[in-house]
């Protein structure tokens, strides 16, 4: 069974923001530097739009590629 859009969103959020909720991440960045925070806000807004507008099949492909890449990098780190 394929993951739902909500599940795909959660997976992408974890990949990008680790365990920090996106809004909290934005607030943390803003607190460090308002100019960078403004850019982070635009990035988060773009992320939100992509989640809504992108077909689920493309989101699934993106999540699959990101997790495959993450696994490859983890294996490479083990070998070093």
PDB file of N, CA and C in Angstrom:
ATOM      1  N   UNK A   1       0.839  -1.180   0.000  1.00  0.00           N
ATOM      2  CA  UNK A   1       0.000   0.000   0.000  1.00  0.00           C
ATOM      3  C   UNK A   1       0.887   1.248   0.000  1.00  0.00           C
ATOM      4  N   UNK A   2       0.546   2.185  -0.844  1.00  0.00           N
ATOM      5  CA  UNK A   2       1.310   3.425  -0.961  1.00  0.00           C
ATOM      6  C   UNK A   2       0.956   4.374   0.180  1.00  0.00           C
ATOM      7  N   UNK A   3       1.933   5.155   0.642  1.00  0.00           N
ATOM      8  CA  UNK A   3       1.641   6.112   1.711  1.00  0.00           C
ATOM      9  C   UNK A   3       0.713   7.229   1.218  1.00  0.00           C
ATOM     10  N   UNK A   4      -0.077   7.749   2.128  1.00  0.00           N
ATOM     11  CA  UNK A   4      -0.988   8.842   1.791  1.00  0.00           C
ATOM     12  C   UNK A   4      -0.204  10.152   1.675  1.00  0.00           C
ATOM     13  N   UNK A   5      -0.862  11.174   1.165  1.00  0.00           N
ATOM     14  CA  UNK A   5      -0.233  12.488   1.058  1.00  0.00           C
ATOM     15  C   UNK A   5       0.227  12.973   2.439  1.00  0.00           C
ATOM     16  N   UNK A   6      -0.594  12.750   3.463  1.00  0.00           N
ATOM     17  CA  UNK A   6      -0.233  13.169   4.828  1.00  0.00           C
ATOM     18  C   UNK A   6       1.018  12.429   5.308  1.00  0.00           C
ATOM     19  N   UNK A   7       1.092  11.130   5.012  1.00  0.00           N
ATOM     20  CA  UNK A   7       2.271  10.352   5.407  1.00  0.00           C
ATOM     21  C   UNK A   7       3.510  10.805   4.638  1.00  0.00           C
ATOM     22  N   UNK A   8       3.330  11.102   3.358  1.00  0.00           N
ATOM     23  CA  UNK A   8       4.448  11.589   2.554  1.00  0.00           C
ATOM     24  C   UNK A   8       4.945  12.925   3.089  1.00  0.00           C
ATOM     25  N   UNK A   9       4.009  13.768   3.485  1.00  0.00           N
ATOM     26  CA  UNK A   9       4.372  15.061   4.065  1.00  0.00           C
ATOM     27  C   UNK A   9       5.215  14.855   5.330  1.00  0.00           C
ATOM     28  N   UNK A  10       4.763  13.948   6.187  1.00  0.00           N
ATOM     29  CA  UNK A  10       5.500  13.669   7.427  1.00  0.00           C
ATOM     30  C   UNK A  10       6.909  13.158   7.128  1.00  0.00           C
ATOM     31  N   UNK A  11       7.026  12.273   6.161  1.00  0.00           N
ATOM     32  CA  UNK A  11       8.342  11.738   5.800  1.00  0.00           C
ATOM     33  C   UNK A  11       9.260  12.836   5.270  1.00  0.00           C
ATOM     34  N   UNK A  12       8.710  13.700   4.424  1.00  0.00           N
ATOM     35  CA  UNK A  12       9.516  14.798   3.896  1.00  0.00           C
ATOM     36  C   UNK A  12       9.897  15.785   4.994  1.00  0.00           C
ATOM     37  N   UNK A  13       8.961  16.063   5.893  1.00  0.00           N
ATOM     38  CA  UNK A  13       9.267  16.965   7.009  1.00  0.00           C
ATOM     39  C   UNK A  13      10.400  16.402   7.859  1.00  0.00           C
ATOM     40  N   UNK A  14      10.356  15.107   8.153  1.00  0.00           N
ATOM     41  CA  UNK A  14      11.420  14.491   8.948  1.00  0.00           C
ATOM     42  C   UNK A  14      12.758  14.536   8.219  1.00  0.00           C
ATOM     43  N   UNK A  15      12.713  14.368   6.904  1.00  0.00           N
ATOM     44  CA  UNK A  15      13.939  14.411   6.115  1.00  0.00           C
ATOM     45  C   UNK A  15      14.548  15.813   6.123  1.00  0.00           C
ATOM     46  N   UNK A  16      13.705  16.821   6.025  1.00  0.00           N
ATOM     47  CA  UNK A  16      14.189  18.200   5.937  1.00  0.00           C
ATOM     48  C   UNK A  16      14.458  18.810   7.309  1.00  0.00           C
ATOM     49  N   UNK A  17      13.505  18.654   8.215  1.00  0.00           N
ATOM     50  CA  UNK A  17      13.556  19.371   9.490  1.00  0.00           C
ATOM     51  C   UNK A  17      13.936  18.482  10.670  1.00  0.00           C
ATOM     52  N   UNK A  18      14.295  17.244  10.422  1.00  0.00           N
ATOM     53  CA  UNK A  18      14.595  16.262  11.468  1.00  0.00           C
ATOM     54  C   UNK A  18      13.372  16.112  12.373  1.00  0.00           C
ATOM     55  N   UNK A  19      13.549  16.233  13.670  1.00  0.00           N
ATOM     56  CA  UNK A  19      12.426  16.039  14.594  1.00  0.00           C
ATOM     57  C   UNK A  19      11.775  17.352  15.018  1.00  0.00           C
ATOM     58  N   UNK A  20      12.190  18.463  14.412  1.00  0.00           N
ATOM     59  CA  UNK A  20      11.642  19.771  14.758  1.00  0.00           C
ATOM     60  C   UNK A  20      10.438  20.073  13.872  1.00  0.00           C
ATOM     61  N   UNK A  21       9.311  20.468  14.450  1.00  0.00           N
ATOM     62  CA  UNK A  21       8.176  20.876  13.615  1.00  0.00           C
ATOM     63  C   UNK A  21       8.591  22.049  12.710  1.00  0.00           C
ATOM     64  N   UNK A  22       8.113  22.085  11.467  1.00  0.00           N
ATOM     65  CA  UNK A  22       8.546  23.120  10.522  1.00  0.00           C
ATOM     66  C   UNK A  22       8.385  24.552  11.044  1.00  0.00           C
ATOM     67  N   UNK A  23       7.271  24.841  11.692  1.00  0.00           N
ATOM     68  CA  UNK A  23       7.063  26.203  12.191  1.00  0.00           C
ATOM     69  C   UNK A  23       8.083  26.544  13.283  1.00  0.00           C
ATOM     70  N   UNK A  24       8.386  25.575  14.126  1.00  0.00           N
ATOM     71  CA  UNK A  24       9.397  25.787  15.172  1.00  0.00           C
ATOM     72  C   UNK A  24      10.775  26.001  14.548  1.00  0.00           C
ATOM     73  N   UNK A  25      11.082  25.241  13.510  1.00  0.00           N
ATOM     74  CA  UNK A  25      12.341  25.415  12.784  1.00  0.00           C
ATOM     75  C   UNK A  25      12.439  26.837  12.249  1.00  0.00           C
ATOM     76  N   UNK A  26      11.346  27.306  11.639  1.00  0.00           N
ATOM     77  CA  UNK A  26      11.322  28.662  11.092  1.00  0.00           C
ATOM     78  C   UNK A  26      11.565  29.692  12.193  1.00  0.00           C
ATOM     79  N   UNK A  27      10.914  29.530  13.316  1.00  0.00           N
ATOM     80  CA  UNK A  27      11.089  30.464  14.431  1.00  0.00           C
ATOM     81  C   UNK A  27      12.523  30.436  14.954  1.00  0.00           C
ATOM     82  N   UNK A  28      13.127  29.258  15.013  1.00  0.00           N
ATOM     83  CA  UNK A  28      14.524  29.145  15.453  1.00  0.00           C
ATOM     84  C   UNK A  28      15.464  29.873  14.495  1.00  0.00           C
ATOM     85  N   UNK A  29      15.251  29.675  13.203  1.00  0.00           N
ATOM     86  CA  UNK A  29      16.090  30.339  12.201  1.00  0.00           C
ATOM     87  C   UNK A  29      15.896  31.848  12.296  1.00  0.00           C
ATOM     88  N   UNK A  30      14.649  32.276  12.423  1.00  0.00           N
ATOM     89  CA  UNK A  30      14.335  33.706  12.510  1.00  0.00           C
ATOM     90  C   UNK A  30      15.033  34.327  13.723  1.00  0.00           C
ATOM     91  N   UNK A  31      15.042  33.608  14.836  1.00  0.00           N
ATOM     92  CA  UNK A  31      15.675  34.121  16.053  1.00  0.00           C
ATOM     93  C   UNK A  31      17.185  34.286  15.877  1.00  0.00           C
ATOM     94  N   UNK A  32      17.784  33.429  15.081  1.00  0.00           N
ATOM     95  CA  UNK A  32      19.224  33.529  14.837  1.00  0.00           C
ATOM     96  C   UNK A  32      19.569  34.702  13.932  1.00  0.00           C
ATOM     97  N   UNK A  33      18.737  34.900  12.898  1.00  0.00           N
ATOM     98  CA  UNK A  33      19.004  35.966  11.938  1.00  0.00           C
ATOM     99  C   UNK A  33      17.714  36.266  11.175  1.00  0.00           C
ATOM    100  N   UNK A  34      17.123  37.446  11.367  1.00  0.00           N
ATOM    101  CA  UNK A  34      15.858  37.763  10.695  1.00  0.00           C
ATOM    102  C   UNK A  34      15.924  37.695   9.170  1.00  0.00           C
ATOM    103  N   UNK A  35      17.046  38.085   8.585  1.00  0.00           N
ATOM    104  CA  UNK A  35      17.157  38.016   7.125  1.00  0.00           C
ATOM    105  C   UNK A  35      17.115  36.568   6.654  1.00  0.00           C
ATOM    106  N   UNK A  36      17.871  35.719   7.311  1.00  0.00           N
ATOM    107  CA  UNK A  36      17.849  34.296   6.984  1.00  0.00           C
ATOM    108  C   UNK A  36      16.485  33.706   7.314  1.00  0.00           C
ATOM    109  N   UNK A  37      15.877  34.179   8.390  1.00  0.00           N
ATOM    110  CA  UNK A  37      14.542  33.723   8.764  1.00  0.00           C
ATOM    111  C   UNK A  37      13.508  34.038   7.702  1.00  0.00           C
ATOM    112  N   UNK A  38      13.643  35.203   7.074  1.00  0.00           N
ATOM    113  CA  UNK A  38      12.719  35.572   5.998  1.00  0.00           C
ATOM    114  C   UNK A  38      12.856  34.611   4.821  1.00  0.00           C
ATOM    115  N   UNK A  39      14.100  34.274   4.483  1.00  0.00           N
ATOM    116  CA  UNK A  39      14.329  33.307   3.406  1.00  0.00           C
ATOM    117  C   UNK A  39      13.798  31.929   3.797  1.00  0.00           C
ATOM    118  N   UNK A  40      13.988  31.554   5.055  1.00  0.00           N
ATOM    119  CA  UNK A  40      13.478  30.268   5.536  1.00  0.00           C
ATOM    120  C   UNK A  40      11.956  30.238   5.457  1.00  0.00           C
ATOM    121  N   UNK A  41      11.324  31.370   5.737  1.00  0.00           N
ATOM    122  CA  UNK A  41       9.870  31.453   5.626  1.00  0.00           C
ATOM    123  C   UNK A  41       9.400  31.232   4.199  1.00  0.00           C
ATOM    124  N   UNK A  42      10.116  31.805   3.244  1.00  0.00           N
ATOM    125  CA  UNK A  42       9.777  31.601   1.832  1.00  0.00           C
ATOM    126  C   UNK A  42       9.977  30.141   1.440  1.00  0.00           C
ATOM    127  N   UNK A  43      11.044  29.547   1.953  1.00  0.00           N
ATOM    128  CA  UNK A  43      11.307  28.136   1.684  1.00  0.00           C
ATOM    129  C   UNK A  43      10.189  27.263   2.244  1.00  0.00           C
ATOM    130  N   UNK A  44       9.771  27.546   3.472  1.00  0.00           N
ATOM    131  CA  UNK A  44       8.696  26.769   4.088  1.00  0.00           C
ATOM    132  C   UNK A  44       7.387  26.952   3.328  1.00  0.00           C
ATOM    133  N   UNK A  45       7.110  28.167   2.877  1.00  0.00           N
ATOM    134  CA  UNK A  45       5.903  28.425   2.088  1.00  0.00           C
ATOM    135  C   UNK A  45       5.937  27.642   0.778  1.00  0.00           C
ATOM    136  N   UNK A  46       7.103  27.588   0.145  1.00  0.00           N
ATOM    137  CA  UNK A  46       7.258  26.823  -1.096  1.00  0.00           C
ATOM    138  C   UNK A  46       7.062  25.334  -0.834  1.00  0.00           C
ATOM    139  N   UNK A  47       7.620  24.839   0.259  1.00  0.00           N
ATOM    140  CA  UNK A  47       7.440  23.442   0.649  1.00  0.00           C
ATOM    141  C   UNK A  47       5.949  23.126   0.793  1.00  0.00           C
ATOM    142  N   UNK A  48       5.220  24.005   1.492  1.00  0.00           N
ATOM    143  CA  UNK A  48       3.780  23.804   1.701  1.00  0.00           C
ATOM    144  C   UNK A  48       3.046  23.732   0.358  1.00  0.00           C
ATOM    145  N   UNK A  49       3.388  24.629  -0.559  1.00  0.00           N
ATOM    146  CA  UNK A  49       2.742  24.639  -1.876  1.00  0.00           C
ATOM    147  C   UNK A  49       3.035  23.357  -2.647  1.00  0.00           C
ATOM    148  N   UNK A  50       4.278  22.911  -2.605  1.00  0.00           N
ATOM    149  CA  UNK A  50       4.634  21.682  -3.318  1.00  0.00           C
ATOM    150  C   UNK A  50       3.873  20.480  -2.776  1.00  0.00           C
ATOM    151  N   UNK A  51       3.721  20.411  -1.469  1.00  0.00           N
ATOM    152  CA  UNK A  51       2.985  19.298  -0.869  1.00  0.00           C
ATOM    153  C   UNK A  51       1.545  19.284  -1.372  1.00  0.00           C
ATOM    154  N   UNK A  52       0.951  20.456  -1.484  1.00  0.00           N
ATOM    155  CA  UNK A  52      -0.450  20.550  -1.903  1.00  0.00           C
ATOM    156  C   UNK A  52      -0.599  20.320  -3.405  1.00  0.00           C
ATOM    157  N   UNK A  53       0.296  20.899  -4.200  1.00  0.00           N
ATOM    158  CA  UNK A  53       0.112  20.915  -5.651  1.00  0.00           C
ATOM    159  C   UNK A  53       0.743  19.740  -6.394  1.00  0.00           C
ATOM    160  N   UNK A  54       1.763  19.142  -5.829  1.00  0.00           N
ATOM    161  CA  UNK A  54       2.478  18.061  -6.509  1.00  0.00           C
ATOM    162  C   UNK A  54       1.651  16.769  -6.476  1.00  0.00           C
ATOM    163  N   UNK A  55       1.540  16.068  -7.601  1.00  0.00           N
ATOM    164  CA  UNK A  55       0.827  14.790  -7.594  1.00  0.00           C
ATOM    165  C   UNK A  55       1.473  13.804  -6.613  1.00  0.00           C
ATOM    166  N   UNK A  56       0.642  12.989  -5.987  1.00  0.00           N
ATOM    167  CA  UNK A  56       1.140  12.026  -4.997  1.00  0.00           C
ATOM    168  C   UNK A  56       2.221  11.119  -5.573  1.00  0.00           C
ATOM    169  N   UNK A  57       2.076  10.725  -6.825  1.00  0.00           N
ATOM    170  CA  UNK A  57       3.075   9.831  -7.422  1.00  0.00           C
ATOM    171  C   UNK A  57       4.448  10.494  -7.461  1.00  0.00           C
ATOM    172  N   UNK A  58       4.490  11.790  -7.717  1.00  0.00           N
ATOM    173  CA  UNK A  58       5.772  12.493  -7.727  1.00  0.00           C
ATOM    174  C   UNK A  58       6.326  12.642  -6.315  1.00  0.00           C
ATOM    175  N   UNK A  59       5.445  12.908  -5.353  1.00  0.00           N
ATOM    176  CA  UNK A  59       5.890  12.975  -3.957  1.00  0.00           C
ATOM    177  C   UNK A  59       6.454  11.626  -3.517  1.00  0.00           C
ATOM    178  N   UNK A  60       5.788  10.537  -3.921  1.00  0.00           N
ATOM    179  CA  UNK A  60       6.269   9.196  -3.576  1.00  0.00           C
ATOM    180  C   UNK A  60       7.643   8.953  -4.177  1.00  0.00           C
ATOM    181  N   UNK A  61       7.828   9.353  -5.430  1.00  0.00           N
ATOM    182  CA  UNK A  61       9.121   9.191  -6.083  1.00  0.00           C
ATOM    183  C   UNK A  61      10.210   9.991  -5.389  1.00  0.00           C
ATOM    184  N   UNK A  62       9.881  11.207  -4.977  1.00  0.00           N
ATOM    185  CA  UNK A  62      10.845  12.048  -4.275  1.00  0.00           C
ATOM    186  C   UNK A  62      11.245  11.433  -2.940  1.00  0.00           C
ATOM    187  N   UNK A  63      10.256  10.989  -2.177  1.00  0.00           N
ATOM    188  CA  UNK A  63      10.537  10.364  -0.879  1.00  0.00           C
ATOM    189  C   UNK A  63      11.397   9.120  -1.074  1.00  0.00           C
ATOM    190  N   UNK A  64      11.055   8.319  -2.061  1.00  0.00           N
ATOM    191  CA  UNK A  64      11.817   7.094  -2.330  1.00  0.00           C
ATOM    192  C   UNK A  64      13.270   7.430  -2.664  1.00  0.00           C
ATOM    193  N   UNK A  65      13.487   8.412  -3.532  1.00  0.00           N
ATOM    194  CA  UNK A  65      14.849   8.801  -3.899  1.00  0.00           C
ATOM    195  C   UNK A  65      15.624   9.325  -2.698  1.00  0.00           C
ATOM    196  N   UNK A  66      14.986  10.151  -1.887  1.00  0.00           N
ATOM    197  CA  UNK A  66      15.667  10.719  -0.721  1.00  0.00           C
ATOM    198  C   UNK A  66      16.068   9.636   0.272  1.00  0.00           C
ATOM    199  N   UNK A  67      15.166   8.687   0.521  1.00  0.00           N
ATOM    200  CA  UNK A  67      15.486   7.625   1.472  1.00  0.00           C
ATOM    201  C   UNK A  67      16.529   6.664   0.913  1.00  0.00           C
ATOM    202  N   UNK A  68      16.493   6.394  -0.386  1.00  0.00           N
ATOM    203  CA  UNK A  68      17.529   5.556  -0.989  1.00  0.00           C
ATOM    204  C   UNK A  68      18.893   6.229  -0.871  1.00  0.00           C
ATOM    205  N   UNK A  69      18.917   7.519  -1.139  1.00  0.00           N
ATOM    206  CA  UNK A  69      20.173   8.267  -1.031  1.00  0.00           C
ATOM    207  C   UNK A  69      20.682   8.272   0.406  1.00  0.00           C
ATOM    208  N   UNK A  70      19.763   8.438   1.340  1.00  0.00           N
ATOM    209  CA  UNK A  70      20.133   8.435   2.756  1.00  0.00           C
ATOM    210  C   UNK A  70      20.739   7.086   3.152  1.00  0.00           C
ATOM    211  N   UNK A  71      20.163   5.997   2.648  1.00  0.00           N
ATOM    212  CA  UNK A  71      20.678   4.663   2.956  1.00  0.00           C
ATOM    213  C   UNK A  71      22.057   4.453   2.338  1.00  0.00           C
ATOM    214  N   UNK A  72      22.245   4.924   1.121  1.00  0.00           N
ATOM    215  CA  UNK A  72      23.547   4.801   0.453  1.00  0.00           C
ATOM    216  C   UNK A  72      24.608   5.566   1.236  1.00  0.00           C
ATOM    217  N   UNK A  73      24.282   6.785   1.655  1.00  0.00           N
ATOM    218  CA  UNK A  73      25.237   7.583   2.427  1.00  0.00           C
ATOM    219  C   UNK A  73      25.559   6.926   3.765  1.00  0.00           C
ATOM    220  N   UNK A  74      24.555   6.332   4.399  1.00  0.00           N
ATOM    221  CA  UNK A  74      24.787   5.644   5.675  1.00  0.00           C
ATOM    222  C   UNK A  74      25.715   4.451   5.475  1.00  0.00           C
ATOM    223  N   UNK A  75      25.525   3.701   4.393  1.00  0.00           N
ATOM    224  CA  UNK A  75      26.400   2.565   4.096  1.00  0.00           C
ATOM    225  C   UNK A  75      27.825   3.031   3.817  1.00  0.00           C
ATOM    226  N   UNK A  76      27.961   4.126   3.106  1.00  0.00           N
ATOM    227  CA  UNK A  76      29.291   4.654   2.800  1.00  0.00           C
ATOM    228  C   UNK A  76      30.000   5.095   4.073  1.00  0.00           C
ATOM    229  N   UNK A  77      29.272   5.682   5.001  1.00  0.00           N
ATOM    230  CA  UNK A  77      29.863   6.109   6.269  1.00  0.00           C
ATOM    231  C   UNK A  77      30.338   4.909   7.084  1.00  0.00           C
ATOM    232  N   UNK A  78      29.611   3.799   7.011  1.00  0.00           N
ATOM    233  CA  UNK A  78      30.012   2.585   7.728  1.00  0.00           C
ATOM    234  C   UNK A  78      31.327   2.039   7.187  1.00  0.00           C
ATOM    235  N   UNK A  79      31.552   2.202   5.895  1.00  0.00           N
ATOM    236  CA  UNK A  79      32.741   1.657   5.257  1.00  0.00           C
ATOM    237  C   UNK A  79      33.989   2.493   5.528  1.00  0.00           C
ATOM    238  N   UNK A  80      33.808   3.724   5.943  1.00  0.00           N
ATOM    239  CA  UNK A  80      34.964   4.615   6.176  1.00  0.00           C
ATOM    240  C   UNK A  80      35.557   4.401   7.526  1.00  0.00           C
TER     241      UNK A  80
END
